[in-house]
Amino acid sequence: MSLSYLATKTVESDDHEDDQFYADLFASDSVDSSEMSHVSRTDVDPHEIEIRVKRQLTLAGVEPNRTLEKLRLTRSAISGSTMLPILLDLKFKPNDLDVYANEQGGEVMLAHMHDEEEFKSVKTIESTGSSYTRILRIHWLVKEDHLVNLIIVPDDNPVVAIFHFHSTIVMNCLTGYGVFCAYPALTLNRKSISNTGVLHTDESRRRADICYTKYISRGIEHQPHLRHHGRWAHHQCGADKSCPATIRSMHDEESLWIGLPSVVGVGREQAVYNNSESVIWSLGGWECSPTRHYNMTTTISVPIATREIVPALEDSDNVQHEGEDDLLLVSRSSTL
């Protein structure tokens, strides 16, 4: 996870699962890392992805079909570590399930977790501004040894939150219609880079470093900058779709959406966003080019029909600074 506190809130207590149990459980699906060195979007099997989705939801203590239905109904999304066993078939069990919802959808999802999934609320954490950037509140729900974090965000489209995570490896989400991956060229090949535009304090960097160590132990090759990955050593900064300085959109040609085969008759954009708004973003940090400009992580919500993503992001004049931590994150809203 990310967003300062959420980036690492479970990292010290994560991975207390029985490693041998899960190694045995997933043995039939094991993939040699050497076979993953050149994976492309065309290698992804939607049927296998749906199997993994339902397996991970079951392991998280929720009924898969009911949960997917509620994600569609509430326009919510699941993100965090749960997405890596789905996309990469990594052999670990996440310690919790992170559900992102707007305020209206969050009320419905909370009732669903109580009434249908039999989770109990144990704590609600209200936002304190700087510590919970882009988060209104977090509901902690438990059932036996399962933990669900219902994370309420101020944006109508809760997917906005993933672009403020600490690194690209976790910029993925599950909607009720399918799986979204923001940086497939990196992620599908188990590579990651830092989103340093949200890491401006010693504490945020410390927490992120713990996360990086965790993902490296799970087979992810993490680097602070894209140019440190050999394939991208001489990439064009601001143009390569894997570059953090490049302005991206959820509906551009690089974004990967893997539809669930059991869901039929749904167009690509409706399936990804389940929402009237898409997201345009650019990650923060030092540019790779010789000019070495520094950028802040920036997001903007726009109607799905919007296609001129560069003018939309550059011309948006409704810039919101998040409390006293405006160096941590700049979020832009638009009514284009």
Protein backbone atom coordinates (compact mmCIF):
# COMPACT_ATOMS: atom_id res chain seq x y z
CA MET A 1 0.00 0.00 0.00
CA SER A 2 0.94 3.66 0.16
CA LEU A 3 -0.38 7.09 0.91
CA SER A 4 2.07 7.69 3.73
CA TYR A 5 0.41 5.85 6.64
CA LEU A 6 -1.36 3.28 4.50
CA ALA A 7 1.81 2.60 2.56
CA THR A 8 3.18 0.60 5.44
CA LYS A 9 0.57 0.39 8.16
CA THR A 10 0.68 -3.41 8.16
CA VAL A 11 4.25 -3.93 7.11
CA GLU A 12 5.66 -4.80 10.52
CA SER A 13 2.87 -7.34 11.12
CA ASP A 14 2.57 -8.55 7.51
CA ASP A 15 3.56 -12.01 6.33
CA HIS A 16 2.94 -13.95 9.52
CA GLU A 17 1.40 -16.70 7.38
CA ASP A 18 2.65 -20.26 7.24
CA ASP A 19 5.02 -20.05 4.26
CA GLN A 20 5.10 -23.81 3.70
CA PHE A 21 1.29 -24.01 3.69
CA TYR A 22 1.02 -21.43 0.92
CA ALA A 23 3.95 -22.92 -0.96
CA ASP A 24 2.05 -26.21 -1.03
CA LEU A 25 -1.26 -24.51 -1.80
CA PHE A 26 0.13 -22.79 -4.89
CA ALA A 27 2.63 -25.46 -5.93
CA SER A 28 0.65 -26.43 -9.02
CA ASP A 29 0.75 -22.82 -10.23
CA SER A 30 4.43 -22.15 -9.63
CA VAL A 31 6.25 -20.13 -12.29
CA ASP A 32 10.02 -20.16 -12.73
CA SER A 33 11.31 -16.60 -12.47
CA SER A 34 13.42 -17.09 -15.60
CA GLU A 35 10.21 -17.60 -17.56
CA MET A 36 8.97 -14.20 -16.41
CA SER A 37 11.84 -12.16 -17.87
CA HIS A 38 9.97 -11.00 -20.97
CA VAL A 39 6.28 -11.03 -20.18
CA SER A 40 3.91 -8.87 -22.23
CA ARG A 41 0.25 -8.00 -21.94
CA THR A 42 -0.59 -10.63 -24.57
CA ASP A 43 0.69 -13.35 -22.24
CA VAL A 44 -2.02 -12.63 -19.68
CA ASP A 45 -4.84 -15.19 -19.59
CA PRO A 46 -8.12 -13.56 -18.42
CA HIS A 47 -9.53 -16.92 -17.30
CA GLU A 48 -6.51 -17.57 -15.09
CA ILE A 49 -6.74 -14.02 -13.73
CA GLU A 50 -10.36 -14.59 -12.73
CA ILE A 51 -9.40 -17.83 -10.97
CA ARG A 52 -6.75 -15.94 -9.01
CA VAL A 53 -9.17 -13.10 -8.20
CA LYS A 54 -11.68 -15.49 -6.66
CA ARG A 55 -8.94 -17.41 -4.87
CA GLN A 56 -7.56 -14.26 -3.25
CA LEU A 57 -10.99 -13.01 -2.22
CA THR A 58 -11.72 -16.39 -0.64
CA LEU A 59 -8.40 -16.32 1.23
CA ALA A 60 -9.31 -12.83 2.46
CA GLY A 61 -12.47 -14.19 4.07
CA VAL A 62 -15.07 -12.80 1.67
CA GLU A 63 -17.36 -14.57 -0.79
CA PRO A 64 -16.03 -13.73 -4.28
CA ASN A 65 -19.23 -13.34 -6.30
CA ARG A 66 -21.00 -11.26 -3.65
CA THR A 67 -17.95 -9.06 -3.23
CA LEU A 68 -17.54 -8.45 -6.96
CA GLU A 69 -21.22 -7.56 -7.17
CA LYS A 70 -20.83 -5.02 -4.36
CA LEU A 71 -17.75 -3.54 -6.03
CA ARG A 72 -19.87 -2.95 -9.12
CA LEU A 73 -22.78 -1.55 -7.12
CA THR A 74 -20.66 0.86 -5.06
CA ARG A 75 -18.07 1.74 -7.73
CA SER A 76 -15.37 0.65 -5.29
CA ALA A 77 -12.00 -0.98 -5.93
CA ILE A 78 -9.60 -3.35 -4.19
CA SER A 79 -5.89 -2.54 -4.27
CA GLY A 80 -2.72 -3.13 -2.27
CA SER A 81 -0.71 -6.34 -1.91
CA THR A 82 -3.72 -8.46 -2.86
CA MET A 83 -3.20 -7.52 -6.50
CA LEU A 84 0.27 -9.08 -6.79
CA PRO A 85 -0.77 -12.74 -6.37
CA ILE A 86 -3.48 -11.98 -8.93
CA LEU A 87 -1.27 -10.33 -11.56
CA LEU A 88 2.00 -12.16 -10.94
CA ASP A 89 0.95 -15.36 -9.20
CA LEU A 90 3.37 -14.58 -6.36
CA LYS A 91 3.30 -17.16 -3.61
CA PHE A 92 2.27 -15.23 -0.52
CA LYS A 93 -0.95 -14.46 1.31
CA PRO A 94 -1.55 -10.74 1.96
CA ASN A 95 -2.23 -9.92 5.57
CA ASP A 96 -5.35 -7.88 4.78
CA LEU A 97 -7.75 -6.76 2.06
CA ASP A 98 -7.83 -3.06 1.16
CA VAL A 99 -11.11 -1.78 -0.27
CA TYR A 100 -11.25 1.82 -1.55
CA ALA A 101 -14.63 3.55 -1.74
CA ASN A 102 -16.13 7.02 -1.95
CA GLU A 103 -18.37 8.14 0.90
CA GLN A 104 -21.66 6.97 -0.59
CA GLY A 105 -20.30 3.64 -1.77
CA GLY A 106 -18.46 3.17 1.50
CA GLU A 107 -21.71 3.14 3.47
CA VAL A 108 -23.07 0.33 1.32
CA MET A 109 -19.81 -1.60 1.44
CA LEU A 110 -19.60 -1.27 5.21
CA ALA A 111 -23.12 -2.68 5.59
CA HIS A 112 -22.20 -5.51 3.22
CA MET A 113 -19.14 -6.43 5.27
CA HIS A 114 -21.22 -6.44 8.45
CA ASP A 115 -24.37 -8.17 7.25
CA GLU A 116 -23.27 -10.50 4.47
CA GLU A 117 -19.59 -11.19 5.15
CA GLU A 118 -19.99 -11.18 8.97
CA PHE A 119 -17.04 -8.91 9.67
CA LYS A 120 -17.07 -6.77 12.81
CA SER A 121 -15.84 -3.20 13.04
CA VAL A 122 -13.04 -2.85 15.57
CA LYS A 123 -11.80 0.66 14.88
CA THR A 124 -12.46 3.71 12.73
CA ILE A 125 -9.61 6.12 12.12
CA GLU A 126 -10.54 9.61 11.01
CA SER A 127 -8.24 11.58 8.76
CA THR A 128 -5.87 14.00 10.43
CA GLY A 129 -4.92 15.73 7.20
CA SER A 130 -1.18 15.40 6.78
CA SER A 131 -0.98 11.79 7.99
CA TYR A 132 -3.77 10.48 5.79
CA THR A 133 -3.39 12.33 2.51
CA ARG A 134 -6.36 11.69 0.20
CA ILE A 135 -8.11 9.62 2.88
CA LEU A 136 -11.16 10.60 4.89
CA ARG A 137 -11.29 7.61 7.22
CA ILE A 138 -10.39 3.95 7.55
CA HIS A 139 -12.70 1.27 8.93
CA TRP A 140 -10.91 -1.77 10.32
CA LEU A 141 -13.05 -4.89 10.13
CA VAL A 142 -12.16 -8.36 11.39
CA LYS A 143 -13.51 -11.89 11.12
CA GLU A 144 -11.49 -14.63 12.77
CA ASP A 145 -7.97 -14.09 11.38
CA HIS A 146 -9.12 -11.94 8.44
CA LEU A 147 -8.72 -8.16 8.28
CA VAL A 148 -10.46 -5.79 5.85
CA ASN A 149 -9.48 -2.13 5.62
CA LEU A 150 -12.36 -0.13 4.17
CA ILE A 151 -10.68 3.10 3.08
CA ILE A 152 -12.95 6.07 2.38
CA VAL A 153 -11.55 8.64 -0.04
CA PRO A 154 -12.88 12.09 -1.01
CA ASP A 155 -12.81 11.39 -4.74
CA ASP A 156 -15.87 10.15 -6.59
CA ASN A 157 -13.59 7.69 -8.37
CA PRO A 158 -11.63 5.91 -5.61
CA VAL A 159 -9.07 4.63 -8.12
CA VAL A 160 -7.42 8.07 -7.85
CA ALA A 161 -5.78 6.81 -4.65
CA ILE A 162 -3.54 4.22 -6.29
CA PHE A 163 -1.49 6.82 -8.14
CA HIS A 164 -0.27 8.19 -4.80
CA PHE A 165 1.18 4.87 -3.69
CA HIS A 166 4.90 4.55 -2.92
CA SER A 167 5.84 2.59 -6.05
CA THR A 168 4.50 1.39 -9.38
CA ILE A 169 4.35 -2.26 -8.31
CA VAL A 170 1.19 -1.55 -6.31
CA MET A 171 -0.52 0.75 -8.83
CA ASN A 172 -3.09 -1.87 -9.69
CA CYS A 173 -6.68 -2.47 -8.67
CA LEU A 174 -9.64 -4.81 -8.96
CA THR A 175 -13.06 -3.43 -9.84
CA GLY A 176 -16.23 -5.48 -10.10
CA TYR A 177 -15.49 -5.97 -13.78
CA GLY A 178 -11.79 -6.66 -14.02
CA VAL A 179 -8.20 -5.95 -13.09
CA PHE A 180 -6.40 -2.70 -13.91
CA CYS A 181 -2.61 -2.35 -14.10
CA ALA A 182 -1.10 1.12 -14.60
CA TYR A 183 2.47 0.06 -15.48
CA PRO A 184 2.24 -3.38 -17.14
CA ALA A 185 5.65 -3.26 -18.88
CA LEU A 186 7.23 -2.99 -15.43
CA THR A 187 4.77 -4.89 -13.26
CA LEU A 188 4.27 -7.99 -15.43
CA ASN A 189 8.06 -8.39 -15.47
CA ARG A 190 8.26 -7.98 -11.68
CA LYS A 191 9.99 -4.62 -11.87
CA SER A 192 9.13 -1.49 -9.92
CA ILE A 193 10.21 2.12 -9.45
CA SER A 194 9.63 4.58 -6.62
CA ASN A 195 6.99 7.29 -6.68
CA THR A 196 9.30 9.70 -4.90
CA GLY A 197 6.89 12.58 -5.40
CA VAL A 198 4.97 11.42 -2.34
CA LEU A 199 8.04 10.72 -0.19
CA HIS A 200 9.19 14.05 1.21
CA THR A 201 9.64 13.25 4.89
CA ASP A 202 12.07 10.98 6.69
CA GLU A 203 9.18 8.97 8.08
CA SER A 204 7.51 8.44 4.70
CA ARG A 205 10.82 7.36 3.19
CA ARG A 206 11.49 5.00 6.10
CA ARG A 207 8.10 3.36 5.69
CA ALA A 208 8.54 3.12 1.93
CA ASP A 209 11.97 1.51 2.36
CA ILE A 210 10.39 -1.18 4.53
CA CYS A 211 7.86 -1.84 1.78
CA TYR A 212 10.56 -1.96 -0.89
CA THR A 213 12.47 -4.54 1.15
CA LYS A 214 9.30 -6.59 1.52
CA TYR A 215 8.58 -6.62 -2.20
CA ILE A 216 12.20 -7.36 -3.09
CA SER A 217 11.97 -10.42 -0.82
CA ARG A 218 8.96 -11.50 -2.89
CA GLY A 219 10.91 -11.43 -6.13
CA ILE A 220 10.33 -7.85 -7.25
CA GLU A 221 13.27 -5.93 -8.73
CA HIS A 222 12.83 -2.45 -7.30
CA GLN A 223 14.84 0.60 -8.33
CA PRO A 224 14.51 4.25 -7.25
CA HIS A 225 14.58 5.47 -10.88
CA LEU A 226 13.47 3.98 -14.19
CA ARG A 227 16.89 4.46 -15.79
CA HIS A 228 18.34 1.95 -13.29
CA HIS A 229 16.42 -0.84 -15.02
CA GLY A 230 18.62 -1.90 -17.94
CA ARG A 231 15.89 -1.89 -20.57
CA TRP A 232 15.08 1.74 -19.76
CA ALA A 233 18.64 3.02 -19.25
CA HIS A 234 18.31 5.37 -22.23
CA HIS A 235 14.55 5.92 -22.38
CA GLN A 236 13.03 9.26 -23.39
CA CYS A 237 12.01 11.03 -20.21
CA GLY A 238 8.42 12.26 -20.33
CA ALA A 239 7.59 10.15 -23.39
CA ASP A 240 8.18 6.52 -22.43
CA LYS A 241 4.95 5.20 -20.92
CA SER A 242 6.84 3.65 -18.00
CA CYS A 243 8.56 6.93 -17.12
CA PRO A 244 7.19 8.65 -13.99
CA ALA A 245 7.42 12.04 -15.72
CA THR A 246 5.10 10.94 -18.53
CA ILE A 247 1.51 12.14 -18.33
CA ARG A 248 -0.68 9.05 -18.39
CA SER A 249 -4.37 8.20 -18.52
CA MET A 250 -6.38 5.17 -17.50
CA HIS A 251 -7.63 5.02 -21.07
CA ASP A 252 -4.26 5.30 -22.85
CA GLU A 253 -2.74 2.46 -24.85
CA GLU A 254 -0.31 1.48 -22.09
CA SER A 255 -2.89 0.95 -19.34
CA LEU A 256 -3.83 -2.70 -19.04
CA TRP A 257 -7.31 -3.89 -18.17
CA ILE A 258 -8.04 -7.60 -17.88
CA GLY A 259 -11.78 -8.17 -17.97
CA LEU A 260 -13.31 -11.00 -15.95
CA PRO A 261 -14.71 -13.48 -18.50
CA SER A 262 -17.77 -14.16 -16.34
CA VAL A 263 -18.80 -10.52 -16.82
CA VAL A 264 -20.15 -10.02 -20.34
CA GLY A 265 -21.51 -7.11 -22.35
CA VAL A 266 -19.40 -4.46 -20.63
CA GLY A 267 -17.28 -1.98 -22.58
CA ARG A 268 -13.62 -1.48 -21.69
CA GLU A 269 -13.99 1.95 -20.12
CA GLN A 270 -17.10 1.18 -18.11
CA ALA A 271 -15.38 -1.93 -16.87
CA VAL A 272 -12.22 -0.19 -15.78
CA TYR A 273 -13.74 2.81 -14.09
CA ASN A 274 -17.26 1.70 -13.21
CA ASN A 275 -17.61 5.44 -13.02
CA SER A 276 -18.35 8.51 -15.09
CA GLU A 277 -14.82 9.79 -14.49
CA SER A 278 -11.42 8.58 -15.63
CA VAL A 279 -8.07 9.52 -14.08
CA ILE A 280 -5.09 11.29 -15.64
CA TRP A 281 -1.85 11.29 -13.67
CA SER A 282 1.88 11.82 -13.63
CA LEU A 283 4.16 10.56 -10.88
CA GLY A 284 6.49 12.79 -8.94
CA GLY A 285 10.21 12.93 -8.36
CA TRP A 286 13.31 14.00 -10.25
CA GLU A 287 13.04 13.77 -14.01
CA CYS A 288 15.36 11.34 -15.77
CA SER A 289 16.43 13.94 -18.34
CA PRO A 290 19.55 16.14 -17.94
CA THR A 291 17.38 19.10 -16.91
CA ARG A 292 16.49 17.18 -13.75
CA HIS A 293 13.32 19.11 -12.97
CA TYR A 294 11.44 18.03 -9.88
CA ASN A 295 7.76 17.13 -10.22
CA MET A 296 5.05 16.50 -7.68
CA THR A 297 2.69 13.57 -8.02
CA THR A 298 -0.40 14.92 -9.75
CA THR A 299 -3.83 13.48 -10.51
CA ILE A 300 -6.92 14.83 -12.20
CA SER A 301 -10.37 13.30 -12.63
CA VAL A 302 -11.98 13.91 -16.01
CA PRO A 303 -15.02 12.63 -17.90
CA ILE A 304 -14.24 9.36 -19.66
CA ALA A 305 -14.78 10.99 -23.05
CA THR A 306 -11.83 13.36 -22.50
CA ARG A 307 -8.93 12.38 -24.76
CA GLU A 308 -6.62 15.42 -24.76
CA ILE A 309 -4.80 14.33 -21.64
CA VAL A 310 -1.81 16.67 -21.74
CA PRO A 311 -3.84 19.91 -22.01
CA ALA A 312 -6.27 18.57 -19.43
CA LEU A 313 -3.53 18.02 -16.88
CA GLU A 314 -1.50 21.13 -17.66
CA ASP A 315 -4.43 23.54 -17.93
CA SER A 316 -6.34 22.45 -14.84
CA ASP A 317 -6.35 25.44 -12.50
CA ASN A 318 -8.18 23.93 -9.54
CA VAL A 319 -5.15 22.79 -7.57
CA GLN A 320 -5.72 21.46 -4.07
CA HIS A 321 -2.85 21.38 -1.59
CA GLU A 322 -3.35 18.73 1.03
CA GLY A 323 -3.12 20.58 4.35
CA GLU A 324 0.33 21.31 5.70
CA ASP A 325 1.81 18.47 3.68
CA ASP A 326 1.41 20.10 0.28
CA LEU A 327 4.88 18.85 -0.63
CA LEU A 328 3.66 15.29 -0.20
CA LEU A 329 0.94 15.50 -2.79
CA VAL A 330 -0.74 17.87 -5.17
CA SER A 331 -4.17 16.72 -6.32
CA ARG A 332 -5.99 18.43 -9.13
CA SER A 333 -9.70 18.30 -9.80
CA SER A 334 -11.37 19.28 -13.04
CA THR A 335 -14.84 19.68 -14.43
CA LEU A 336 -13.76 19.45 -18.07
